[in-house]
Amino acid sequence: MQNLRPDPLPAHVGLWLDRCLFEPKASEDAPDDHPGRRALYASAIEALDPVAEPPALTHYRTLFAAWERLARTDHPGVLGRVCEVRARSRVLLHPNSGASVTDGGILLHHSYGVPYLPGTALKGLCRAFADRLQEETGGKIDSPNGAVLPEGWIDRLFGHLPCQGDRGGEASLCDFWDALWVPPEPGSPGAESPLALDVVNPHHGAYYSKSSPGQDGERVPPKESDPPIPTHRLTIRPGARFLVRIESADDPAFGAWLDWILTALLLPALDNEGIGTRTTSGYGRLVGVDGPAGGGAAGGATPSERDLALISRTRNDGALHATFADGKFATLRGERARQIFQSLSDTVRRRIDRNKPTRLQVVYRKQGNAYTIEDIQETPTPSTPAAT
């Protein structure tokens, strides 16, 4: 049964994954307790493959074209900015309900059945990145007009719930649309389905399963001898593109703020922090494809610079931090941070992990108000003094 292919392919991938597993669960002693799951996933991937142009994709193109026209058009009383982003790693977002025939679902649009980035997730990521930026810079963040942002600017910009005391809740000054998947043109180079199969290898299934108690009724403790059990799941494929729109009330002065939110908060957050689950493992990273449409970019990336800095590392997520003599602070997270750290010598890595002062050459770039590490080098350039 796991080799069956539906004909025609499903017209709504979300409904297919939630309700249409065509094989019951196998017996408990079977090596694969869901042998039909691979076929379910393969059909979902194929149903959005632009090479074959299946019905689900044909219908979605028409819907997306109308939505894109709406997203790229400013209406009376509304000021908006649009930016396209591309996944540079796998992206995994789970639905907020367990109503699925598989153990680990992927978030698909309820009406269109395609992957998307929820506007609430984008806004929450922006706010979390702004909080981190506020902490790392000591509150010295320049606004689009060059002035230092006042205290409480994050609550004012993104809104907040009522808190104790006399202060009530406040609505956000900007709205984030759900970012829909941008379907590639038929026959375009590299056109692929936005979905891809991924594999995870949990080693301690009995420990995490409530249905496997030990002799005393407690969960079976994990052991080094527990075998890995490969589990397949769907993720968003690297290279998939999404169209982001943020908007506010039509105030000419706020156009620069929308550009700043995109270039100084959202795009650096998507690139460095990631969105969705498993971001500490490198998932969820997206980069901007173009600048904000609907107005000139403000506060974008500047050319790379090089200077000596004290290097530190956060052990739990592998983030690298550089503190410069003039007080600037640069950071880098994710797979690139891991690669840079591994490229350093054993002696330097041990010093950093032991929190000993380690001064190295850092190549960095300013993006809005944040500084991002691009490379760390042990050997100084001829024009700079030796690192200590």
Protein backbone atom coordinates (compact mmCIF):
# COMPACT_ATOMS: atom_id res chain seq x y z
CA MET A 1 0.00 0.00 0.00
CA GLN A 2 2.89 2.37 0.66
CA ASN A 3 3.58 2.45 -3.11
CA LEU A 4 0.12 3.60 -4.07
CA ARG A 5 -0.19 6.96 -5.83
CA PRO A 6 -3.52 8.77 -5.89
CA ASP A 7 -4.84 9.69 -9.31
CA PRO A 8 -5.60 12.49 -9.64
CA LEU A 9 -3.25 14.05 -7.12
CA PRO A 10 -4.92 15.84 -4.19
CA ALA A 11 -6.28 19.30 -4.92
CA HIS A 12 -5.72 20.45 -1.32
CA VAL A 13 -2.51 19.24 0.30
CA GLY A 14 -3.49 20.30 3.80
CA LEU A 15 -6.71 18.28 3.73
CA TRP A 16 -4.81 15.35 2.24
CA LEU A 17 -2.27 15.30 5.07
CA ASP A 18 -4.86 15.80 7.81
CA ARG A 19 -7.45 13.23 6.78
CA CYS A 20 -6.34 10.92 3.99
CA LEU A 21 -3.89 8.35 5.31
CA PHE A 22 -5.03 5.33 3.31
CA GLU A 23 -3.55 2.58 5.47
CA PRO A 24 -4.35 1.69 9.10
CA LYS A 25 -1.60 1.51 11.70
CA ALA A 26 0.37 -1.74 11.50
CA SER A 27 0.78 -4.27 14.31
CA GLU A 28 2.96 -3.41 17.28
CA ASP A 29 5.73 -5.82 16.24
CA ALA A 30 6.00 -4.39 12.72
CA PRO A 31 9.31 -2.59 11.94
CA ASP A 32 7.43 0.44 10.56
CA ASP A 33 4.24 1.34 12.40
CA HIS A 34 3.13 3.74 9.63
CA PRO A 35 4.15 2.17 6.30
CA GLY A 36 1.66 4.36 4.40
CA ARG A 37 3.12 7.63 5.67
CA ARG A 38 5.89 7.82 3.07
CA ALA A 39 3.33 7.51 0.28
CA LEU A 40 1.19 10.20 1.93
CA TYR A 41 4.16 12.58 2.04
CA ALA A 42 5.32 11.74 -1.50
CA SER A 43 1.87 12.57 -2.88
CA ALA A 44 1.82 15.87 -0.99
CA ILE A 45 5.22 16.85 -2.41
CA GLU A 46 4.20 15.89 -5.94
CA ALA A 47 0.88 17.74 -5.66
CA LEU A 48 2.78 21.07 -5.52
CA ASP A 49 5.55 20.21 -8.00
CA PRO A 50 5.66 22.91 -10.73
CA VAL A 51 7.25 20.51 -13.21
CA ALA A 52 4.04 18.50 -13.59
CA GLU A 53 1.68 21.45 -12.89
CA PRO A 54 -0.86 19.37 -10.89
CA PRO A 55 -4.39 20.64 -10.09
CA ALA A 56 -3.52 21.95 -6.60
CA LEU A 57 -0.79 24.19 -8.03
CA THR A 58 -2.87 25.34 -11.00
CA HIS A 59 -5.66 26.50 -8.68
CA TYR A 60 -3.21 28.12 -6.28
CA ARG A 61 -1.53 30.16 -9.03
CA THR A 62 -4.83 31.91 -9.75
CA LEU A 63 -5.45 32.59 -6.06
CA PHE A 64 -1.90 33.81 -5.46
CA ALA A 65 -1.97 36.17 -8.45
CA ALA A 66 -5.02 37.94 -7.01
CA TRP A 67 -3.50 38.00 -3.50
CA GLU A 68 -0.18 39.37 -4.81
CA ARG A 69 -1.92 42.22 -6.63
CA LEU A 70 -3.66 43.10 -3.38
CA ALA A 71 -0.41 42.87 -1.38
CA ARG A 72 1.57 45.06 -3.75
CA THR A 73 -1.10 47.78 -3.93
CA ASP A 74 -1.54 50.45 -1.28
CA HIS A 75 -5.13 51.38 -0.60
CA PRO A 76 -6.62 54.61 0.79
CA GLY A 77 -5.65 55.08 4.41
CA VAL A 78 -3.05 52.26 4.35
CA LEU A 79 0.71 52.39 3.83
CA GLY A 80 2.52 49.11 3.12
CA ARG A 81 5.88 47.55 2.30
CA VAL A 82 6.45 44.26 0.49
CA CYS A 83 9.55 42.09 0.53
CA GLU A 84 10.25 38.63 -0.88
CA VAL A 85 12.27 36.20 1.25
CA ARG A 86 13.91 32.90 0.36
CA ALA A 87 14.55 29.91 2.64
CA ARG A 88 18.29 29.16 2.87
CA SER A 89 17.67 26.16 5.12
CA ARG A 90 14.80 23.82 5.85
CA VAL A 91 11.90 25.50 7.64
CA LEU A 92 9.60 23.61 10.00
CA LEU A 93 6.46 25.16 11.45
CA HIS A 94 3.96 22.96 13.27
CA PRO A 95 0.19 23.51 13.33
CA ASN A 96 -1.28 24.52 16.68
CA SER A 97 -3.59 21.51 16.72
CA GLY A 98 -2.95 17.78 16.78
CA ALA A 99 -5.72 17.04 14.26
CA SER A 100 -3.47 15.12 11.89
CA VAL A 101 -3.00 11.51 10.89
CA THR A 102 0.77 11.91 11.29
CA ASP A 103 2.68 12.49 14.51
CA GLY A 104 4.43 15.67 13.37
CA GLY A 105 2.44 17.87 11.02
CA ILE A 106 3.62 20.80 8.93
CA LEU A 107 1.76 24.10 8.97
CA LEU A 108 -0.15 24.64 5.72
CA HIS A 109 -2.58 27.41 4.83
CA HIS A 110 -6.11 26.41 5.84
CA SER A 111 -7.74 27.68 2.62
CA TYR A 112 -4.97 27.19 0.04
CA GLY A 113 -3.16 24.10 1.35
CA VAL A 114 0.35 25.51 0.76
CA PRO A 115 3.16 26.37 3.19
CA TYR A 116 3.23 29.91 4.55
CA LEU A 117 4.78 32.03 7.29
CA PRO A 118 2.10 33.25 9.74
CA GLY A 119 2.00 36.98 10.27
CA THR A 120 1.80 36.42 14.05
CA ALA A 121 5.04 34.42 13.91
CA LEU A 122 6.80 37.13 11.87
CA LYS A 123 5.64 39.83 14.27
CA GLY A 124 6.65 37.80 17.31
CA LEU A 125 10.08 37.15 15.80
CA CYS A 126 10.50 40.90 15.16
CA ARG A 127 9.59 41.74 18.73
CA ALA A 128 11.90 39.08 20.19
CA PHE A 129 14.76 40.35 18.01
CA ALA A 130 14.04 43.93 19.08
CA ASP A 131 14.16 42.86 22.74
CA ARG A 132 17.51 41.14 22.19
CA LEU A 133 18.84 44.16 20.28
CA GLN A 134 17.73 46.45 23.09
CA GLU A 135 19.57 44.31 25.63
CA GLU A 136 22.77 43.92 23.62
CA THR A 137 23.08 47.62 22.77
CA GLY A 138 22.06 48.90 26.19
CA GLY A 139 19.08 50.68 24.66
CA LYS A 140 21.23 52.82 22.34
CA ILE A 141 19.38 52.14 19.10
CA ASP A 142 19.00 54.71 16.36
CA SER A 143 15.56 55.27 14.90
CA PRO A 144 15.05 55.86 11.14
CA ASN A 145 15.37 59.60 11.69
CA GLY A 146 18.71 59.21 13.51
CA ALA A 147 17.47 59.88 17.05
CA VAL A 148 17.96 57.37 19.85
CA LEU A 149 14.76 55.41 20.44
CA PRO A 150 12.94 56.31 23.68
CA GLU A 151 12.19 53.88 26.47
CA GLY A 152 9.17 51.68 25.78
CA TRP A 153 9.47 51.92 21.99
CA ILE A 154 9.02 48.17 21.56
CA ASP A 155 5.63 48.17 23.31
CA ARG A 156 4.59 51.23 21.36
CA LEU A 157 5.62 49.78 18.01
CA PHE A 158 4.37 46.20 18.43
CA GLY A 159 1.63 46.68 21.02
CA HIS A 160 1.18 45.09 24.44
CA LEU A 161 -1.47 43.56 26.68
CA PRO A 162 -2.87 45.38 29.71
CA CYS A 163 -0.51 45.21 32.65
CA GLN A 164 -0.91 45.83 36.35
CA GLY A 165 -1.34 49.41 37.44
CA ASP A 166 -2.88 52.25 35.50
CA ARG A 167 -1.35 51.35 32.17
CA GLY A 168 -3.77 49.68 29.75
CA GLY A 169 -3.15 47.69 26.62
CA GLU A 170 -2.08 49.28 23.38
CA ALA A 171 -2.56 48.18 19.77
CA SER A 172 0.39 47.72 17.44
CA LEU A 173 1.27 50.49 15.01
CA CYS A 174 1.92 47.97 12.23
CA ASP A 175 0.30 44.78 10.94
CA PHE A 176 2.02 41.71 9.46
CA TRP A 177 0.25 39.73 6.75
CA ASP A 178 0.66 35.99 6.43
CA ALA A 179 3.54 35.47 3.99
CA LEU A 180 2.28 33.15 1.25
CA TRP A 181 4.46 30.84 -0.79
CA VAL A 182 5.50 32.31 -4.17
CA PRO A 183 4.95 29.60 -6.82
CA PRO A 184 7.77 29.43 -9.39
CA GLU A 185 6.94 29.88 -13.05
CA PRO A 186 6.40 26.63 -14.97
CA GLY A 187 9.65 25.47 -16.54
CA SER A 188 11.79 28.03 -14.69
CA PRO A 189 15.28 26.78 -13.68
CA GLY A 190 15.32 25.07 -10.30
CA ALA A 191 11.53 25.01 -9.99
CA GLU A 192 10.65 22.48 -7.29
CA SER A 193 7.89 21.67 -4.85
CA PRO A 194 8.10 23.82 -1.68
CA LEU A 195 7.85 20.63 0.41
CA ALA A 196 10.68 18.18 1.03
CA LEU A 197 11.06 15.03 3.08
CA ASP A 198 13.24 15.23 6.18
CA VAL A 199 14.45 12.57 8.62
CA VAL A 200 14.85 12.75 12.41
CA ASN A 201 16.38 9.98 14.50
CA PRO A 202 14.96 9.87 18.03
CA HIS A 203 17.03 7.47 20.15
CA HIS A 204 14.86 7.15 23.24
CA GLY A 205 11.34 6.46 21.98
CA ALA A 206 10.35 4.42 25.04
CA TYR A 207 11.36 7.24 27.38
CA TYR A 208 9.36 9.87 25.51
CA SER A 209 6.33 7.63 24.98
CA LYS A 210 3.73 7.61 27.75
CA SER A 211 2.55 4.21 26.49
CA SER A 212 5.82 2.46 27.47
CA PRO A 213 5.99 2.35 31.29
CA GLY A 214 8.64 0.35 33.13
CA GLN A 215 8.08 -2.28 35.77
CA ASP A 216 7.31 0.30 38.45
CA GLY A 217 4.90 2.19 36.22
CA GLU A 218 7.37 5.00 35.53
CA ARG A 219 8.76 5.82 32.13
CA VAL A 220 11.67 3.68 30.95
CA PRO A 221 14.89 5.68 31.54
CA PRO A 222 16.95 6.45 28.42
CA LYS A 223 20.03 4.31 27.74
CA GLU A 224 23.04 4.73 25.46
CA SER A 225 22.13 1.40 23.87
CA ASP A 226 18.70 2.62 22.71
CA PRO A 227 18.59 2.26 18.90
CA PRO A 228 17.76 5.25 16.67
CA ILE A 229 14.40 5.04 14.94
CA PRO A 230 14.35 7.11 11.72
CA THR A 231 11.16 9.12 11.43
CA HIS A 232 10.14 10.99 8.28
CA ARG A 233 8.43 14.35 8.26
CA LEU A 234 7.68 17.14 5.82
CA THR A 235 9.54 20.44 5.90
CA ILE A 236 9.72 23.52 3.70
CA ARG A 237 12.47 23.03 1.12
CA PRO A 238 15.49 25.39 0.97
CA GLY A 239 14.93 27.80 -1.90
CA ALA A 240 11.20 28.24 -1.34
CA ARG A 241 10.14 31.89 -1.54
CA PHE A 242 7.51 33.81 0.40
CA LEU A 243 6.00 37.26 -0.02
CA VAL A 244 6.01 39.38 3.14
CA ARG A 245 3.84 42.48 3.62
CA ILE A 246 3.70 44.83 6.58
CA GLU A 247 1.45 47.85 6.74
CA SER A 248 0.33 50.75 8.92
CA ALA A 249 -1.98 53.72 8.81
CA ASP A 250 -1.18 56.03 5.92
CA ASP A 251 1.16 58.47 7.65
CA PRO A 252 3.98 59.71 5.36
CA ALA A 253 6.36 59.82 8.32
CA PHE A 254 5.82 56.12 9.01
CA GLY A 255 7.09 54.95 5.62
CA ALA A 256 10.68 55.11 6.86
CA TRP A 257 9.65 53.12 9.94
CA LEU A 258 8.21 50.32 7.80
CA ASP A 259 11.46 50.18 5.82
CA TRP A 260 13.38 50.11 9.10
CA ILE A 261 11.26 47.28 10.53
CA LEU A 262 11.97 45.19 7.46
CA THR A 263 15.69 45.91 7.04
CA ALA A 264 16.79 46.37 10.66
CA LEU A 265 14.55 43.89 12.46
CA LEU A 266 12.71 41.31 10.33
CA LEU A 267 15.36 40.38 7.74
CA PRO A 268 18.26 40.13 10.26
CA ALA A 269 15.99 38.12 12.59
CA LEU A 270 15.01 35.67 9.85
CA ASP A 271 18.64 35.27 8.80
CA ASN A 272 20.24 34.99 12.26
CA GLU A 273 17.51 33.75 14.62
CA GLY A 274 15.27 31.74 12.30
CA ILE A 275 11.54 31.07 12.48
CA GLY A 276 9.65 27.97 13.55
CA THR A 277 11.05 24.94 15.38
CA ARG A 278 14.57 23.44 15.53
CA THR A 279 16.17 26.83 14.91
CA THR A 280 19.08 25.89 17.21
CA SER A 281 19.83 23.11 14.70
CA GLY A 282 19.96 25.55 11.78
CA TYR A 283 16.36 25.31 10.61
CA GLY A 284 14.15 28.29 9.81
CA ARG A 285 16.69 30.63 8.17
CA LEU A 286 15.45 32.94 5.39
CA VAL A 287 17.12 35.81 3.53
CA GLY A 288 15.74 38.77 1.62
CA VAL A 289 15.52 38.43 -2.15
CA ASP A 290 15.06 42.12 -2.83
CA GLY A 291 14.65 45.40 -0.99
CA PRO A 292 11.31 46.63 0.37
CA ALA A 293 8.89 47.56 -2.41
CA GLY A 294 6.66 50.58 -2.05
CA GLY A 295 9.39 52.88 -0.78
CA GLY A 296 13.16 53.24 -0.66
CA ALA A 297 15.13 50.98 1.66
CA ALA A 298 16.36 52.64 4.79
CA GLY A 299 18.96 51.35 7.17
CA GLY A 300 20.06 48.34 5.08
CA ALA A 301 23.35 46.49 5.12
CA THR A 302 26.62 48.42 4.87
CA PRO A 303 29.99 47.21 3.50
CA SER A 304 31.96 44.77 5.63
CA GLU A 305 34.45 46.07 8.17
CA ARG A 306 37.33 44.46 10.06
CA ASP A 307 38.61 45.03 13.61
CA LEU A 308 39.92 43.30 16.72
CA ALA A 309 37.31 42.16 19.21
CA LEU A 310 36.93 40.02 22.31
CA ILE A 311 35.20 36.76 21.38
CA SER A 312 32.74 34.86 23.57
CA ARG A 313 30.37 31.99 22.89
CA THR A 314 27.00 30.88 24.27
CA ARG A 315 27.33 27.16 24.91
CA ASN A 316 23.64 26.20 24.71
CA ASP A 317 23.02 27.49 21.18
CA GLY A 318 26.57 28.02 19.88
CA ALA A 319 26.09 31.76 19.27
CA LEU A 320 29.28 33.79 18.78
CA HIS A 321 29.64 37.30 20.21
CA ALA A 322 32.25 39.96 19.47
CA THR A 323 32.82 43.00 21.71
CA PHE A 324 34.84 45.81 20.13
CA ALA A 325 36.92 48.46 21.86
CA ASP A 326 34.49 51.25 20.94
CA GLY A 327 31.56 49.40 22.56
CA LYS A 328 30.04 47.88 19.42
CA PHE A 329 28.63 44.39 19.81
CA ALA A 330 28.27 41.87 16.95
CA THR A 331 26.73 38.42 17.04
CA LEU A 332 26.12 35.38 14.88
CA ARG A 333 23.97 32.29 15.41
CA GLY A 334 23.13 29.09 13.60
CA GLU A 335 25.10 26.85 11.27
CA ARG A 336 27.47 29.60 10.09
CA ALA A 337 28.46 30.32 13.72
CA ARG A 338 29.21 26.62 14.22
CA GLN A 339 31.34 26.51 11.05
CA ILE A 340 33.37 29.56 12.06
CA PHE A 341 33.96 28.20 15.57
CA GLN A 342 35.09 24.81 14.22
CA SER A 343 37.54 26.55 11.86
CA LEU A 344 39.46 27.98 14.83
CA SER A 345 42.36 26.08 16.36
CA ASP A 346 41.82 23.73 19.31
CA THR A 347 43.70 26.09 21.63
CA VAL A 348 41.52 29.08 20.72
CA ARG A 349 38.30 27.07 21.00
CA ARG A 350 39.27 25.88 24.48
CA ARG A 351 40.05 29.44 25.59
CA ILE A 352 36.69 30.67 24.32
CA ASP A 353 34.76 27.81 25.94
CA ARG A 354 36.54 28.50 29.25
CA ASN A 355 35.52 32.20 29.05
CA LYS A 356 39.13 33.35 28.89
CA PRO A 357 39.73 36.72 27.17
CA THR A 358 40.37 35.95 23.51
CA ARG A 359 40.94 38.80 21.06
CA LEU A 360 40.70 37.95 17.36
CA GLN A 361 40.19 39.59 14.00
CA VAL A 362 36.47 39.94 13.22
CA VAL A 363 34.90 40.70 9.84
CA TYR A 364 31.48 42.20 10.48
CA ARG A 365 28.70 44.11 8.80
CA LYS A 366 26.11 46.56 10.03
CA GLN A 367 22.46 45.75 9.21
CA GLY A 368 20.23 48.52 10.44
CA ASN A 369 21.16 48.91 14.11
CA ALA A 370 22.57 45.39 14.48
CA TYR A 371 26.10 44.17 13.76
CA THR A 372 26.52 40.68 12.31
CA ILE A 373 29.71 38.62 12.38
CA GLU A 374 30.75 37.42 8.92
CA ASP A 375 34.08 35.78 9.80
CA ILE A 376 36.58 35.36 12.63
CA GLN A 377 40.29 34.99 11.86
CA GLU A 378 43.17 34.02 14.12
CA THR A 379 45.85 35.45 11.82
CA PRO A 380 45.78 39.28 11.73
CA THR A 381 46.17 41.20 8.51
CA PRO A 382 49.55 42.99 8.00
CA SER A 383 48.01 46.35 8.88
CA THR A 384 46.74 45.27 12.29
CA PRO A 385 48.58 44.27 15.48
CA ALA A 386 48.74 40.62 16.51
CA ALA A 387 45.74 39.24 18.37
CA THR A 388 46.16 38.46 22.02
